[in-house]
Amino acid sequence: MSCFHRLHVELMGKSNPQVCGVSRLTAEPISIGARQAWSLMQAETSAKLIDTRSTVEYVMIGHPQGAVHIPWQDDPDWACNPRFTEDIQSLIADDEDKTDGGHSPPILLICRCGERSLEAGKRLMADGLENVYNVESGFEGPLDDKRQRSSVSGWRFDGLPWQQF
């Protein structure tokens, strides 16, 4: 269960064995660290880094430089984006035509701490996409012992390029 979904469950008093229709038994994307993701993006110019966080998080907290924002869940109701897979497919359509054999370019997903992006990656894989990666520490990483982020791991912690509006 994602860190965001756990919070939602705690607030709403609900439990759901599926997140946005994705079973926990679905194949998982390849987990990589933030530095590995950055290296892959440098080596594979067709790679797409997708920031799956909410619009508020993307704008106010900041985001990796070069990331495309396609929220997995967004306010005001935090429902799953019903066009998530379609939006990703549209983004990579041109690049698929340019690659050998029409394979999709690497799709790297990032969220706050790596859990929502994992669920989003499962959705993409269940919908038939390949070459899907999850940045396991996310943009801000997990909470530290003082319940703060960006102090243990994550894109910002690793000093990778990011920007804020």
N, C-alpha and C. Protein backbone atom coordinates (compact mmCIF):
# COMPACT_ATOMS: atom_id res chain seq x y z
N MET A 1 0.85 -1.17 0.00
CA MET A 1 0.00 0.00 0.00
C MET A 1 0.90 1.24 0.00
N SER A 2 0.60 2.20 -0.85
CA SER A 2 1.45 3.38 -0.96
C SER A 2 1.39 4.22 0.31
N CYS A 3 2.44 5.03 0.51
CA CYS A 3 2.46 5.90 1.69
C CYS A 3 1.27 6.85 1.65
N PHE A 4 0.93 7.34 0.45
CA PHE A 4 -0.22 8.22 0.34
C PHE A 4 -1.50 7.45 0.61
N HIS A 5 -1.60 6.23 0.05
CA HIS A 5 -2.82 5.44 0.23
C HIS A 5 -3.01 5.06 1.69
N ARG A 6 -1.91 4.76 2.40
CA ARG A 6 -2.02 4.45 3.83
C ARG A 6 -2.62 5.64 4.58
N LEU A 7 -2.16 6.84 4.25
CA LEU A 7 -2.69 8.04 4.88
C LEU A 7 -4.18 8.17 4.56
N HIS A 8 -4.54 7.94 3.30
CA HIS A 8 -5.94 8.03 2.90
C HIS A 8 -6.78 7.00 3.67
N VAL A 9 -6.26 5.78 3.81
CA VAL A 9 -6.97 4.73 4.54
C VAL A 9 -7.15 5.14 5.99
N GLU A 10 -6.09 5.69 6.60
CA GLU A 10 -6.18 6.13 7.99
C GLU A 10 -7.23 7.22 8.16
N LEU A 11 -7.26 8.15 7.22
CA LEU A 11 -8.20 9.26 7.33
C LEU A 11 -9.64 8.82 7.03
N MET A 12 -9.78 7.92 6.08
CA MET A 12 -11.12 7.52 5.65
C MET A 12 -11.61 6.26 6.36
N GLY A 13 -10.73 5.56 7.05
CA GLY A 13 -11.13 4.35 7.77
C GLY A 13 -11.49 3.20 6.85
N LYS A 14 -10.85 3.15 5.68
CA LYS A 14 -11.15 2.11 4.70
C LYS A 14 -9.90 1.29 4.43
N SER A 15 -10.11 0.09 3.97
CA SER A 15 -9.00 -0.75 3.54
C SER A 15 -9.35 -1.34 2.18
N ASN A 16 -8.39 -1.36 1.28
CA ASN A 16 -8.63 -1.82 -0.07
C ASN A 16 -7.45 -2.66 -0.52
N PRO A 17 -7.66 -3.93 -0.89
CA PRO A 17 -6.55 -4.77 -1.32
C PRO A 17 -5.99 -4.36 -2.68
N GLN A 18 -6.68 -3.47 -3.37
CA GLN A 18 -6.21 -2.98 -4.65
C GLN A 18 -6.07 -1.47 -4.56
N VAL A 19 -5.10 -0.95 -5.27
CA VAL A 19 -4.92 0.50 -5.36
C VAL A 19 -5.21 0.88 -6.80
N CYS A 20 -6.25 1.65 -7.00
CA CYS A 20 -6.64 2.10 -8.34
C CYS A 20 -6.81 0.94 -9.30
N GLY A 21 -7.37 -0.15 -8.81
CA GLY A 21 -7.64 -1.29 -9.67
C GLY A 21 -6.42 -2.15 -10.00
N VAL A 22 -5.30 -1.92 -9.33
CA VAL A 22 -4.09 -2.69 -9.58
C VAL A 22 -3.90 -3.67 -8.44
N SER A 23 -3.95 -4.94 -8.75
CA SER A 23 -3.76 -5.98 -7.74
C SER A 23 -2.33 -6.01 -7.27
N ARG A 24 -2.13 -6.39 -6.02
CA ARG A 24 -0.77 -6.54 -5.50
C ARG A 24 -0.02 -7.68 -6.18
N LEU A 25 -0.73 -8.52 -6.91
CA LEU A 25 -0.10 -9.65 -7.58
C LEU A 25 0.43 -9.28 -8.96
N THR A 26 0.17 -8.08 -9.43
CA THR A 26 0.62 -7.63 -10.74
C THR A 26 2.14 -7.55 -10.77
N ALA A 27 2.73 -7.85 -11.93
CA ALA A 27 4.18 -7.72 -12.10
C ALA A 27 4.62 -6.31 -11.76
N GLU A 28 5.81 -6.20 -11.18
CA GLU A 28 6.31 -4.91 -10.74
C GLU A 28 7.36 -4.36 -11.70
N PRO A 29 7.43 -3.03 -11.79
CA PRO A 29 8.49 -2.42 -12.59
C PRO A 29 9.85 -2.66 -11.93
N ILE A 30 10.91 -2.41 -12.68
CA ILE A 30 12.27 -2.56 -12.17
C ILE A 30 12.54 -1.41 -11.20
N SER A 31 12.97 -1.73 -9.99
CA SER A 31 13.30 -0.70 -8.99
C SER A 31 14.74 -0.25 -9.17
N ILE A 32 14.93 1.06 -9.23
CA ILE A 32 16.27 1.63 -9.32
C ILE A 32 16.37 2.84 -8.41
N GLY A 33 17.57 3.20 -8.02
CA GLY A 33 17.80 4.38 -7.21
C GLY A 33 17.78 5.64 -8.07
N ALA A 34 17.73 6.78 -7.41
CA ALA A 34 17.68 8.06 -8.11
C ALA A 34 18.92 8.27 -8.98
N ARG A 35 20.09 7.97 -8.45
CA ARG A 35 21.32 8.14 -9.24
C ARG A 35 21.33 7.21 -10.45
N GLN A 36 20.85 5.99 -10.27
CA GLN A 36 20.75 5.06 -11.41
C GLN A 36 19.80 5.60 -12.46
N ALA A 37 18.69 6.19 -12.01
CA ALA A 37 17.72 6.76 -12.95
C ALA A 37 18.37 7.89 -13.74
N TRP A 38 19.10 8.75 -13.05
CA TRP A 38 19.77 9.87 -13.72
C TRP A 38 20.78 9.34 -14.75
N SER A 39 21.55 8.33 -14.37
CA SER A 39 22.53 7.74 -15.30
C SER A 39 21.84 7.13 -16.52
N LEU A 40 20.73 6.45 -16.29
CA LEU A 40 19.98 5.86 -17.39
C LEU A 40 19.46 6.95 -18.33
N MET A 41 18.99 8.05 -17.77
CA MET A 41 18.49 9.16 -18.59
C MET A 41 19.62 9.76 -19.43
N GLN A 42 20.82 9.81 -18.88
CA GLN A 42 21.96 10.35 -19.63
C GLN A 42 22.38 9.40 -20.75
N ALA A 43 22.31 8.10 -20.48
CA ALA A 43 22.73 7.10 -21.46
C ALA A 43 21.67 6.86 -22.54
N GLU A 44 20.42 6.94 -22.17
CA GLU A 44 19.30 6.68 -23.09
C GLU A 44 18.52 7.98 -23.27
N THR A 45 18.83 8.71 -24.32
CA THR A 45 18.19 10.01 -24.50
C THR A 45 16.68 9.91 -24.74
N SER A 46 16.21 8.73 -25.12
CA SER A 46 14.76 8.56 -25.32
C SER A 46 14.02 8.27 -24.01
N ALA A 47 14.77 8.04 -22.92
CA ALA A 47 14.14 7.73 -21.63
C ALA A 47 13.22 8.87 -21.20
N LYS A 48 12.10 8.51 -20.60
CA LYS A 48 11.12 9.49 -20.12
C LYS A 48 11.01 9.38 -18.61
N LEU A 49 11.25 10.48 -17.92
CA LEU A 49 11.06 10.54 -16.47
C LEU A 49 9.69 11.16 -16.22
N ILE A 50 8.81 10.38 -15.61
CA ILE A 50 7.43 10.81 -15.36
C ILE A 50 7.26 11.04 -13.87
N ASP A 51 6.90 12.27 -13.50
CA ASP A 51 6.61 12.59 -12.10
C ASP A 51 5.13 12.32 -11.89
N THR A 52 4.84 11.33 -11.06
CA THR A 52 3.45 10.87 -10.87
C THR A 52 2.75 11.54 -9.69
N ARG A 53 3.43 12.48 -9.03
CA ARG A 53 2.84 13.12 -7.85
C ARG A 53 1.71 14.07 -8.24
N SER A 54 1.03 14.57 -7.24
CA SER A 54 -0.06 15.52 -7.47
C SER A 54 0.50 16.83 -8.02
N THR A 55 -0.37 17.61 -8.60
CA THR A 55 0.03 18.90 -9.15
C THR A 55 0.61 19.80 -8.07
N VAL A 56 0.00 19.80 -6.89
CA VAL A 56 0.50 20.63 -5.78
C VAL A 56 1.93 20.23 -5.41
N GLU A 57 2.18 18.93 -5.28
CA GLU A 57 3.53 18.46 -4.95
C GLU A 57 4.52 18.86 -6.04
N TYR A 58 4.15 18.65 -7.28
CA TYR A 58 5.02 18.93 -8.41
C TYR A 58 5.42 20.41 -8.44
N VAL A 59 4.46 21.28 -8.24
CA VAL A 59 4.71 22.72 -8.32
C VAL A 59 5.36 23.27 -7.06
N MET A 60 4.82 22.94 -5.89
CA MET A 60 5.25 23.57 -4.65
C MET A 60 6.52 22.96 -4.04
N ILE A 61 6.68 21.65 -4.13
CA ILE A 61 7.82 20.99 -3.51
C ILE A 61 9.00 20.95 -4.47
N GLY A 62 8.72 20.94 -5.75
CA GLY A 62 9.75 20.85 -6.77
C GLY A 62 9.68 19.52 -7.48
N HIS A 63 10.47 19.40 -8.53
CA HIS A 63 10.45 18.18 -9.34
C HIS A 63 11.79 18.03 -10.06
N PRO A 64 12.10 16.80 -10.46
CA PRO A 64 13.34 16.59 -11.20
C PRO A 64 13.35 17.40 -12.49
N GLN A 65 14.49 17.96 -12.79
CA GLN A 65 14.63 18.70 -14.03
C GLN A 65 14.40 17.76 -15.21
N GLY A 66 13.57 18.18 -16.15
CA GLY A 66 13.28 17.36 -17.32
C GLY A 66 12.14 16.38 -17.14
N ALA A 67 11.57 16.31 -15.95
CA ALA A 67 10.46 15.38 -15.71
C ALA A 67 9.19 15.89 -16.39
N VAL A 68 8.39 14.95 -16.85
CA VAL A 68 7.07 15.26 -17.40
C VAL A 68 6.07 14.94 -16.30
N HIS A 69 5.15 15.85 -16.05
CA HIS A 69 4.18 15.65 -14.98
C HIS A 69 2.92 14.98 -15.52
N ILE A 70 2.70 13.75 -15.09
CA ILE A 70 1.46 13.02 -15.38
C ILE A 70 1.03 12.40 -14.05
N PRO A 71 0.11 13.06 -13.33
CA PRO A 71 -0.26 12.56 -12.00
C PRO A 71 -0.95 11.20 -12.05
N TRP A 72 -0.59 10.37 -11.11
CA TRP A 72 -1.25 9.07 -10.92
C TRP A 72 -2.56 9.30 -10.17
N GLN A 73 -2.52 10.15 -9.16
CA GLN A 73 -3.70 10.57 -8.40
C GLN A 73 -3.56 12.07 -8.20
N ASP A 74 -4.68 12.78 -8.16
CA ASP A 74 -4.60 14.23 -7.98
C ASP A 74 -5.81 14.73 -7.21
N ASP A 75 -5.63 15.94 -6.66
CA ASP A 75 -6.73 16.54 -5.93
C ASP A 75 -7.76 17.06 -6.93
N PRO A 76 -8.98 17.32 -6.57
CA PRO A 76 -9.46 17.42 -5.20
C PRO A 76 -9.92 16.09 -4.60
N ASP A 77 -10.17 15.07 -5.43
CA ASP A 77 -10.75 13.84 -4.87
C ASP A 77 -9.73 12.70 -4.75
N TRP A 78 -8.52 12.90 -5.23
CA TRP A 78 -7.45 11.90 -5.17
C TRP A 78 -7.80 10.59 -5.87
N ALA A 79 -8.70 10.69 -6.83
CA ALA A 79 -9.02 9.51 -7.64
C ALA A 79 -7.87 9.24 -8.60
N CYS A 80 -7.75 8.00 -8.99
CA CYS A 80 -6.71 7.66 -9.96
C CYS A 80 -7.02 8.29 -11.31
N ASN A 81 -5.98 8.69 -11.99
CA ASN A 81 -6.09 9.29 -13.31
C ASN A 81 -6.54 8.21 -14.30
N PRO A 82 -7.77 8.28 -14.81
CA PRO A 82 -8.25 7.24 -15.72
C PRO A 82 -7.52 7.24 -17.06
N ARG A 83 -6.81 8.32 -17.37
CA ARG A 83 -6.08 8.42 -18.63
C ARG A 83 -4.57 8.21 -18.44
N PHE A 84 -4.16 7.71 -17.28
CA PHE A 84 -2.73 7.61 -16.99
C PHE A 84 -1.98 6.83 -18.07
N THR A 85 -2.41 5.63 -18.35
CA THR A 85 -1.72 4.81 -19.36
C THR A 85 -1.79 5.47 -20.73
N GLU A 86 -2.95 6.00 -21.10
CA GLU A 86 -3.08 6.68 -22.39
C GLU A 86 -2.14 7.87 -22.50
N ASP A 87 -2.01 8.63 -21.42
CA ASP A 87 -1.11 9.79 -21.43
C ASP A 87 0.34 9.36 -21.63
N ILE A 88 0.74 8.27 -20.98
CA ILE A 88 2.10 7.75 -21.13
C ILE A 88 2.29 7.24 -22.56
N GLN A 89 1.31 6.50 -23.07
CA GLN A 89 1.42 5.98 -24.43
C GLN A 89 1.55 7.10 -25.45
N SER A 90 0.81 8.18 -25.26
CA SER A 90 0.92 9.33 -26.16
C SER A 90 2.31 9.95 -26.10
N LEU A 91 2.85 10.03 -24.90
CA LEU A 91 4.17 10.63 -24.71
C LEU A 91 5.26 9.83 -25.41
N ILE A 92 5.17 8.51 -25.36
CA ILE A 92 6.24 7.68 -25.93
C ILE A 92 5.99 7.26 -27.37
N ALA A 93 4.83 7.57 -27.92
CA ALA A 93 4.47 7.09 -29.26
C ALA A 93 5.51 7.45 -30.32
N ASP A 94 5.96 8.68 -30.34
CA ASP A 94 6.94 9.09 -31.34
C ASP A 94 8.26 8.36 -31.17
N ASP A 95 8.69 8.18 -29.93
CA ASP A 95 9.97 7.52 -29.68
C ASP A 95 9.93 6.04 -30.03
N GLU A 96 8.79 5.39 -29.89
CA GLU A 96 8.69 3.98 -30.24
C GLU A 96 8.97 3.77 -31.71
N ASP A 97 8.55 4.73 -32.54
CA ASP A 97 8.79 4.62 -33.97
C ASP A 97 10.27 4.75 -34.31
N LYS A 98 11.04 5.41 -33.44
CA LYS A 98 12.45 5.67 -33.69
C LYS A 98 13.37 4.57 -33.17
N THR A 99 12.87 3.71 -32.30
CA THR A 99 13.73 2.68 -31.71
C THR A 99 13.73 1.42 -32.55
N ASP A 100 14.77 0.63 -32.41
CA ASP A 100 14.86 -0.64 -33.13
C ASP A 100 13.73 -1.56 -32.70
N GLY A 101 12.99 -2.04 -33.65
CA GLY A 101 11.93 -3.00 -33.35
C GLY A 101 10.70 -2.38 -32.73
N GLY A 102 10.63 -1.07 -32.63
CA GLY A 102 9.46 -0.41 -32.08
C GLY A 102 9.26 -0.60 -30.59
N HIS A 103 10.34 -0.92 -29.85
CA HIS A 103 10.22 -1.10 -28.40
C HIS A 103 10.08 0.26 -27.72
N SER A 104 9.39 0.27 -26.60
CA SER A 104 9.21 1.53 -25.90
C SER A 104 10.51 1.98 -25.26
N PRO A 105 10.71 3.29 -25.17
CA PRO A 105 11.88 3.80 -24.48
C PRO A 105 11.74 3.53 -22.98
N PRO A 106 12.81 3.64 -22.22
CA PRO A 106 12.68 3.47 -20.78
C PRO A 106 11.69 4.48 -20.20
N ILE A 107 10.78 4.00 -19.37
CA ILE A 107 9.80 4.84 -18.69
C ILE A 107 10.16 4.80 -17.21
N LEU A 108 10.64 5.93 -16.69
CA LEU A 108 11.05 6.02 -15.29
C LEU A 108 9.98 6.79 -14.54
N LEU A 109 9.43 6.19 -13.50
CA LEU A 109 8.37 6.82 -12.70
C LEU A 109 8.92 7.24 -11.35
N ILE A 110 8.53 8.43 -10.92
CA ILE A 110 8.97 8.94 -9.62
C ILE A 110 7.80 9.60 -8.91
N CYS A 111 7.74 9.43 -7.61
CA CYS A 111 6.75 10.12 -6.77
C CYS A 111 7.50 10.68 -5.56
N ARG A 112 6.84 10.83 -4.45
CA ARG A 112 7.49 11.37 -3.26
C ARG A 112 8.47 10.39 -2.65
N CYS A 113 8.03 9.15 -2.43
CA CYS A 113 8.89 8.18 -1.73
C CYS A 113 8.99 6.84 -2.45
N GLY A 114 8.47 6.74 -3.66
CA GLY A 114 8.61 5.53 -4.45
C GLY A 114 7.46 4.55 -4.39
N GLU A 115 6.43 4.86 -3.64
CA GLU A 115 5.33 3.90 -3.49
C GLU A 115 4.19 4.14 -4.47
N ARG A 116 3.76 5.38 -4.64
CA ARG A 116 2.71 5.65 -5.64
C ARG A 116 3.22 5.34 -7.04
N SER A 117 4.49 5.68 -7.30
CA SER A 117 5.04 5.40 -8.62
C SER A 117 5.14 3.89 -8.86
N LEU A 118 5.34 3.11 -7.81
CA LEU A 118 5.33 1.65 -7.94
C LEU A 118 3.95 1.18 -8.39
N GLU A 119 2.90 1.69 -7.76
CA GLU A 119 1.53 1.32 -8.15
C GLU A 119 1.24 1.76 -9.58
N ALA A 120 1.70 2.96 -9.94
CA ALA A 120 1.50 3.45 -11.31
C ALA A 120 2.24 2.56 -12.31
N GLY A 121 3.44 2.12 -11.94
CA GLY A 121 4.20 1.22 -12.80
C GLY A 121 3.52 -0.12 -13.00
N LYS A 122 2.92 -0.63 -11.93
CA LYS A 122 2.16 -1.88 -12.04
C LYS A 122 1.00 -1.71 -13.03
N ARG A 123 0.35 -0.56 -12.96
CA ARG A 123 -0.76 -0.29 -13.89
C ARG A 123 -0.26 -0.30 -15.33
N LEU A 124 0.86 0.37 -15.58
CA LEU A 124 1.41 0.41 -16.94
C LEU A 124 1.75 -0.99 -17.43
N MET A 125 2.35 -1.79 -16.56
CA MET A 125 2.73 -3.15 -16.95
C MET A 125 1.49 -4.02 -17.17
N ALA A 126 0.48 -3.85 -16.33
CA ALA A 126 -0.77 -4.60 -16.52
C ALA A 126 -1.44 -4.21 -17.83
N ASP A 127 -1.20 -2.97 -18.27
CA ASP A 127 -1.76 -2.50 -19.53
C ASP A 127 -0.85 -2.80 -20.72
N GLY A 128 0.22 -3.55 -20.49
CA GLY A 128 1.05 -4.03 -21.59
C GLY A 128 2.31 -3.24 -21.90
N LEU A 129 2.60 -2.19 -21.15
CA LEU A 129 3.83 -1.45 -21.41
C LEU A 129 5.03 -2.19 -20.84
N GLU A 130 6.16 -1.99 -21.47
CA GLU A 130 7.41 -2.64 -21.06
C GLU A 130 8.45 -1.57 -20.74
N ASN A 131 9.57 -2.03 -20.22
CA ASN A 131 10.70 -1.14 -19.97
C ASN A 131 10.33 -0.06 -18.94
N VAL A 132 9.60 -0.47 -17.90
CA VAL A 132 9.10 0.44 -16.87
C VAL A 132 9.98 0.32 -15.62
N TYR A 133 10.39 1.48 -15.10
CA TYR A 133 11.25 1.55 -13.92
C TYR A 133 10.57 2.39 -12.84
N ASN A 134 10.84 2.05 -11.59
CA ASN A 134 10.35 2.82 -10.45
C ASN A 134 11.55 3.37 -9.69
N VAL A 135 11.60 4.69 -9.52
CA VAL A 135 12.65 5.31 -8.71
C VAL A 135 12.25 5.07 -7.26
N GLU A 136 12.87 4.05 -6.66
CA GLU A 136 12.40 3.51 -5.38
C GLU A 136 12.45 4.48 -4.21
N SER A 137 13.34 5.44 -4.22
CA SER A 137 13.41 6.39 -3.11
C SER A 137 12.62 7.66 -3.40
N GLY A 138 12.12 7.80 -4.61
CA GLY A 138 11.30 8.95 -4.97
C GLY A 138 12.07 10.27 -4.99
N PHE A 139 11.32 11.34 -5.00
CA PHE A 139 11.91 12.68 -5.04
C PHE A 139 12.41 13.11 -3.67
N GLU A 140 11.67 12.77 -2.62
CA GLU A 140 12.02 13.20 -1.27
C GLU A 140 12.53 12.09 -0.36
N GLY A 141 12.33 10.85 -0.73
CA GLY A 141 12.77 9.74 0.10
C GLY A 141 11.86 9.50 1.30
N PRO A 142 12.23 8.50 2.11
CA PRO A 142 11.40 8.16 3.28
C PRO A 142 11.58 9.16 4.41
N LEU A 143 10.72 9.02 5.41
CA LEU A 143 10.85 9.83 6.62
C LEU A 143 12.08 9.40 7.41
N ASP A 144 12.75 10.37 8.02
CA ASP A 144 13.85 10.02 8.92
C ASP A 144 13.30 9.87 10.34
N ASP A 145 14.17 9.72 11.31
CA ASP A 145 13.71 9.51 12.69
C ASP A 145 13.03 10.74 13.28
N LYS A 146 13.16 11.90 12.63
CA LYS A 146 12.47 13.12 13.07
C LYS A 146 11.21 13.37 12.24
N ARG A 147 10.85 12.37 11.41
CA ARG A 147 9.68 12.43 10.54
C ARG A 147 9.79 13.54 9.50
N GLN A 148 11.00 13.70 8.97
CA GLN A 148 11.25 14.67 7.90
C GLN A 148 11.78 13.93 6.68
N ARG A 149 11.57 14.51 5.52
CA ARG A 149 12.03 13.90 4.27
C ARG A 149 13.25 14.64 3.72
N SER A 150 13.81 14.09 2.66
CA SER A 150 14.97 14.63 1.94
C SER A 150 16.25 14.60 2.77
N SER A 151 16.28 13.76 3.80
CA SER A 151 17.47 13.66 4.64
C SER A 151 18.06 12.25 4.68
N VAL A 152 17.41 11.30 4.01
CA VAL A 152 17.87 9.91 4.02
C VAL A 152 18.27 9.49 2.60
N SER A 153 17.37 9.68 1.66
CA SER A 153 17.62 9.31 0.27
C SER A 153 16.62 10.05 -0.60
N GLY A 154 16.72 9.84 -1.88
CA GLY A 154 15.80 10.47 -2.82
C GLY A 154 16.54 11.37 -3.80
N TRP A 155 15.82 11.83 -4.79
CA TRP A 155 16.38 12.65 -5.87
C TRP A 155 17.06 13.89 -5.31
N ARG A 156 16.37 14.64 -4.46
CA ARG A 156 16.96 15.86 -3.89
C ARG A 156 18.14 15.54 -2.99
N PHE A 157 18.00 14.53 -2.14
CA PHE A 157 19.07 14.14 -1.23
C PHE A 157 20.34 13.80 -2.00
N ASP A 158 20.18 13.14 -3.15
CA ASP A 158 21.33 12.75 -3.96
C ASP A 158 21.93 13.90 -4.75
N GLY A 159 21.36 15.08 -4.64
CA GLY A 159 21.91 16.26 -5.31
C GLY A 159 21.71 16.27 -6.82
N LEU A 160 20.70 15.58 -7.28
CA LEU A 160 20.42 15.54 -8.72
C LEU A 160 19.65 16.80 -9.13
N PRO A 161 19.70 17.18 -10.40
CA PRO A 161 19.07 18.43 -10.83
C PRO A 161 17.56 18.43 -10.60
N TRP A 162 17.09 19.53 -10.01
CA TRP A 162 15.66 19.69 -9.79
C TRP A 162 15.32 21.16 -9.84
N GLN A 163 14.06 21.46 -9.96
CA GLN A 163 13.61 22.84 -10.02
C GLN A 163 12.28 22.99 -9.29
N GLN A 164 11.96 24.23 -9.02
CA GLN A 164 10.74 24.55 -8.27
C GLN A 164 10.13 25.79 -8.89
N PHE A 165 8.81 25.82 -9.01
CA PHE A 165 8.14 27.00 -9.56
C PHE A 165 7.87 28.01 -8.48
